[in-house]
Amino acid sequence: MTVRDLLTALPDVPTLRDRCRALAALEAVMDPVYGHFSYAPAWSDREQVALMDNGSGDDYAIVFSDAGAYARGFAHESVMSPYADEDEAPWPGLVDAVPEAFRPYVTEPAFCDDLGAGPVPRATVVFWREAGDTAWHTGPVEMPTDRARGFADGADFLFDVLAAGTPEAYRDFAADYYERPVDLDAVRHVFALRPLSGAVALALNPAAVAERALEAARTTGYPVAS
């Protein structure tokens, strides 16, 4: 799966935002310190951001605003990484067609690395959807045909759980990542955006301290039972 396959699998912006919130709340309970997914409901006074960091050099960010949604992902072993090219530049076409409303995110310091030529977008995948659009878009990128130096853009594993968008997909991911069974009913509760209770938190993570887990989930903007 490359970015073009990914875009046909993603839902509209509000549904995607809800998925991101659910994943962040789940991870806040599963591991409040090193969780795979997170969500900042007040990234700025006008923006929210969903984040993924696998701790191995791969990450993504999706910024939600009144303008729509802008996403960038970075697979560190991808042939499309700026580090894979001696010019240390974005892959041709990757950010060229980003709409004006999202251009500031291309050079956002949080999404760039300061390389020899100055700040360079840390990205191998970029896509967006403006408010009012009926589809997601990406730039005129030619995917590499020589895979000997590495795989393509990394969209397949960066966004697989998000694109699947099901409790079962998260359950399978978490069971593998945390190496223990994960309660599917508790995951379904969170995917339905129902208020998180101490009982659901403990069903997800029996080793959690309920109040701490609820507070961690609350920081993502997810509803927590009173």
Protein backbone atom coordinates (compact mmCIF):
# COMPACT_ATOMS: atom_id res chain seq x y z
CA MET A 1 0.00 0.00 0.00
CA THR A 2 1.32 3.42 -0.99
CA VAL A 3 -0.25 6.77 -0.21
CA ARG A 4 -2.57 6.46 -3.21
CA ASP A 5 -4.03 3.22 -1.86
CA LEU A 6 -4.25 4.76 1.61
CA LEU A 7 -6.31 7.72 0.44
CA THR A 8 -9.06 5.50 -0.93
CA ALA A 9 -9.30 3.76 2.45
CA LEU A 10 -9.58 6.87 4.63
CA PRO A 11 -12.95 8.26 5.76
CA ASP A 12 -13.98 11.92 5.84
CA VAL A 13 -12.19 14.35 8.14
CA PRO A 14 -14.59 14.22 11.14
CA THR A 15 -14.59 10.41 11.14
CA LEU A 16 -10.81 10.31 10.86
CA ARG A 17 -10.50 12.76 13.75
CA ASP A 18 -12.71 10.53 15.91
CA ARG A 19 -10.55 7.52 15.05
CA CYS A 20 -7.46 9.44 16.07
CA ARG A 21 -9.03 10.44 19.37
CA ALA A 22 -10.04 6.86 20.10
CA LEU A 23 -6.56 5.51 19.32
CA ALA A 24 -4.97 8.15 21.54
CA ALA A 25 -7.31 7.39 24.44
CA LEU A 26 -6.62 3.68 24.13
CA GLU A 27 -2.88 4.25 24.16
CA ALA A 28 -3.15 6.66 27.09
CA VAL A 29 -4.53 3.74 29.09
CA MET A 30 -2.29 1.04 27.63
CA ASP A 31 0.93 3.03 28.12
CA PRO A 32 0.58 6.68 29.26
CA VAL A 33 4.34 7.30 28.92
CA TYR A 34 5.35 5.61 25.67
CA GLY A 35 2.02 5.18 23.88
CA HIS A 36 2.17 4.65 20.15
CA PHE A 37 -0.68 7.08 19.37
CA SER A 38 -1.40 10.46 20.98
CA TYR A 39 -3.65 13.46 20.44
CA ALA A 40 -3.20 17.15 21.31
CA PRO A 41 -6.64 18.80 21.39
CA ALA A 42 -5.10 22.25 21.89
CA TRP A 43 -2.02 22.13 19.67
CA SER A 44 -2.85 25.79 19.05
CA ASP A 45 -5.96 27.88 19.60
CA ARG A 46 -7.17 26.82 16.13
CA GLU A 47 -5.59 23.42 15.55
CA GLN A 48 -5.58 19.89 16.92
CA VAL A 49 -3.01 17.26 16.03
CA ALA A 50 -2.96 13.47 16.05
CA LEU A 51 0.45 11.86 16.41
CA MET A 52 2.02 8.45 15.98
CA ASP A 53 5.57 7.57 17.03
CA ASN A 54 6.68 3.95 17.06
CA GLY A 55 9.89 4.70 18.95
CA SER A 56 12.00 3.31 16.10
CA GLY A 57 12.32 6.40 13.93
CA ASP A 58 8.94 6.31 12.20
CA ASP A 59 6.16 8.79 12.91
CA TYR A 60 3.20 10.73 11.56
CA ALA A 61 1.21 13.85 12.36
CA ILE A 62 -2.27 14.86 11.21
CA VAL A 63 -3.26 18.47 11.80
CA PHE A 64 -6.99 19.21 12.03
CA SER A 65 -8.19 22.80 11.57
CA ASP A 66 -11.03 24.78 10.06
CA ALA A 67 -9.17 24.45 6.74
CA GLY A 68 -9.46 20.65 6.83
CA ALA A 69 -6.72 18.13 7.57
CA TYR A 70 -3.05 17.90 6.60
CA ALA A 71 -0.97 14.78 7.20
CA ARG A 72 2.68 13.90 6.91
CA GLY A 73 4.40 10.64 7.75
CA PHE A 74 8.02 9.61 7.92
CA ALA A 75 9.37 6.09 7.39
CA HIS A 76 13.05 6.32 8.23
CA GLU A 77 14.12 3.38 6.04
CA SER A 78 12.15 4.55 3.01
CA VAL A 79 14.03 5.28 -0.20
CA MET A 80 11.96 8.49 -0.28
CA SER A 81 13.52 9.85 2.92
CA PRO A 82 15.54 13.06 2.49
CA TYR A 83 18.32 11.21 4.31
CA ALA A 84 18.46 8.66 1.49
CA ASP A 85 19.53 11.30 -1.04
CA GLU A 86 22.79 13.22 -1.04
CA ASP A 87 20.86 16.45 -1.72
CA GLU A 88 18.88 15.94 1.51
CA ALA A 89 15.75 17.31 -0.20
CA PRO A 90 12.10 16.23 -0.16
CA TRP A 91 11.22 13.53 -2.68
CA PRO A 92 10.18 15.17 -5.99
CA GLY A 93 6.51 16.14 -5.97
CA LEU A 94 5.99 15.27 -2.32
CA VAL A 95 5.12 18.78 -1.12
CA ASP A 96 4.88 20.74 -4.38
CA ALA A 97 1.08 20.67 -4.62
CA VAL A 98 0.23 21.28 -0.96
CA PRO A 99 -2.56 23.91 -0.91
CA GLU A 100 -1.84 27.39 0.42
CA ALA A 101 -3.96 26.76 3.51
CA PHE A 102 -1.58 23.98 4.55
CA ARG A 103 1.75 25.40 3.34
CA PRO A 104 2.83 26.51 6.84
CA TYR A 105 2.85 22.86 7.92
CA VAL A 106 5.41 21.99 5.26
CA THR A 107 7.98 24.12 7.08
CA GLU A 108 6.58 23.70 10.60
CA PRO A 109 9.66 23.14 12.82
CA ALA A 110 8.01 20.20 14.58
CA PHE A 111 7.77 18.43 11.21
CA CYS A 112 11.21 19.33 9.84
CA ASP A 113 14.84 18.43 10.44
CA ASP A 114 17.57 21.03 10.17
CA LEU A 115 19.86 19.50 7.57
CA GLY A 116 22.76 21.03 5.66
CA ALA A 117 20.51 23.09 3.37
CA GLY A 118 18.32 24.27 6.26
CA PRO A 119 14.97 22.93 7.49
CA VAL A 120 13.78 20.00 5.39
CA PRO A 121 10.36 18.33 5.78
CA ARG A 122 10.76 15.04 7.63
CA ALA A 123 8.34 13.21 5.39
CA THR A 124 7.99 10.32 3.00
CA VAL A 125 4.17 10.57 2.85
CA VAL A 126 2.10 13.78 2.55
CA PHE A 127 -1.64 14.09 1.97
CA TRP A 128 -4.48 16.46 2.74
CA ARG A 129 -8.19 17.20 2.47
CA GLU A 130 -9.51 20.74 2.48
CA ALA A 131 -12.85 21.63 4.05
CA GLY A 132 -15.53 20.97 1.45
CA ASP A 133 -13.43 18.44 -0.49
CA THR A 134 -15.01 15.11 -1.30
CA ALA A 135 -11.71 13.22 -1.44
CA TRP A 136 -8.18 13.13 -0.05
CA HIS A 137 -5.28 14.35 -2.18
CA THR A 138 -1.56 13.88 -2.52
CA GLY A 139 1.10 15.41 -4.71
CA PRO A 140 2.32 14.31 -8.16
CA VAL A 141 4.75 11.81 -6.68
CA GLU A 142 6.40 9.13 -8.79
CA MET A 143 6.88 6.14 -6.53
CA PRO A 144 10.37 4.64 -6.72
CA THR A 145 10.69 1.58 -8.90
CA ASP A 146 14.09 0.54 -7.55
CA ARG A 147 13.23 -1.08 -4.23
CA ALA A 148 16.76 -2.41 -3.72
CA ARG A 149 17.55 0.61 -1.54
CA GLY A 150 14.41 0.31 0.55
CA PHE A 151 10.63 0.21 0.39
CA ALA A 152 8.49 3.01 -1.04
CA ASP A 153 6.79 5.66 1.12
CA GLY A 154 5.94 3.62 4.22
CA ALA A 155 2.22 4.40 4.09
CA ASP A 156 1.43 0.71 4.48
CA PHE A 157 2.76 0.37 8.02
CA LEU A 158 2.62 4.00 9.19
CA PHE A 159 -1.14 4.30 8.73
CA ASP A 160 -2.37 0.70 8.68
CA VAL A 161 -4.22 0.75 12.03
CA LEU A 162 -5.73 4.17 11.29
CA ALA A 163 -6.83 3.18 7.80
CA ALA A 164 -8.40 -0.07 8.99
CA GLY A 165 -10.33 1.96 11.55
CA THR A 166 -11.82 -0.97 13.43
CA PRO A 167 -11.65 -2.15 17.05
CA GLU A 168 -10.37 -5.49 15.77
CA ALA A 169 -7.46 -3.82 13.96
CA TYR A 170 -6.43 -1.96 17.11
CA ARG A 171 -6.89 -5.10 19.25
CA ASP A 172 -4.59 -7.07 16.95
CA PHE A 173 -2.01 -4.28 16.89
CA ALA A 174 -2.04 -3.85 20.68
CA ALA A 175 -1.92 -7.57 21.41
CA ASP A 176 1.21 -7.82 19.28
CA TYR A 177 2.78 -4.56 20.49
CA TYR A 178 2.16 -5.14 24.21
CA GLU A 179 2.46 -8.93 23.99
CA ARG A 180 -0.70 -9.70 25.94
CA PRO A 181 -4.41 -10.23 25.27
CA VAL A 182 -6.51 -7.07 24.80
CA ASP A 183 -10.20 -6.90 25.73
CA LEU A 184 -12.13 -6.34 22.49
CA ASP A 185 -15.31 -5.11 24.20
CA ALA A 186 -13.31 -2.42 25.99
CA VAL A 187 -11.73 -1.37 22.69
CA ARG A 188 -15.18 -1.19 21.10
CA HIS A 189 -16.36 1.01 23.98
CA VAL A 190 -13.61 3.53 23.20
CA PHE A 191 -14.08 3.38 19.43
CA ALA A 192 -17.71 4.29 20.04
CA LEU A 193 -16.45 7.40 21.89
CA ARG A 194 -18.42 6.46 24.99
CA PRO A 195 -17.09 8.04 28.22
CA LEU A 196 -14.15 6.14 29.63
CA SER A 197 -14.68 4.67 33.08
CA GLY A 198 -12.27 3.13 35.55
CA ALA A 199 -13.74 -0.29 34.82
CA VAL A 200 -13.11 0.02 31.09
CA ALA A 201 -9.58 1.34 31.73
CA LEU A 202 -8.78 -1.68 33.91
CA ALA A 203 -10.29 -4.03 31.34
CA LEU A 204 -7.86 -2.59 28.81
CA ASN A 205 -4.89 -2.57 31.15
CA PRO A 206 -5.23 -4.55 34.38
CA ALA A 207 -1.91 -3.13 35.56
CA ALA A 208 -3.13 0.47 35.26
CA VAL A 209 -3.99 2.75 38.15
CA ALA A 210 -7.52 3.71 37.18
CA GLU A 211 -7.39 7.39 38.17
CA ARG A 212 -4.07 7.91 36.42
CA ALA A 213 -5.34 6.18 33.31
CA LEU A 214 -8.45 8.34 33.25
CA GLU A 215 -6.40 11.50 33.67
CA ALA A 216 -4.07 10.44 30.84
CA ALA A 217 -7.06 9.84 28.59
CA ARG A 218 -8.57 13.18 29.61
CA THR A 219 -5.49 15.03 28.32
CA THR A 220 -6.28 13.74 24.81
CA GLY A 221 -9.68 15.43 24.93
CA TYR A 222 -11.46 12.10 25.16
CA PRO A 223 -14.65 12.05 27.31
CA VAL A 224 -14.11 10.57 30.76
CA ALA A 225 -16.88 9.42 33.09
CA SER A 226 -17.37 11.61 36.15
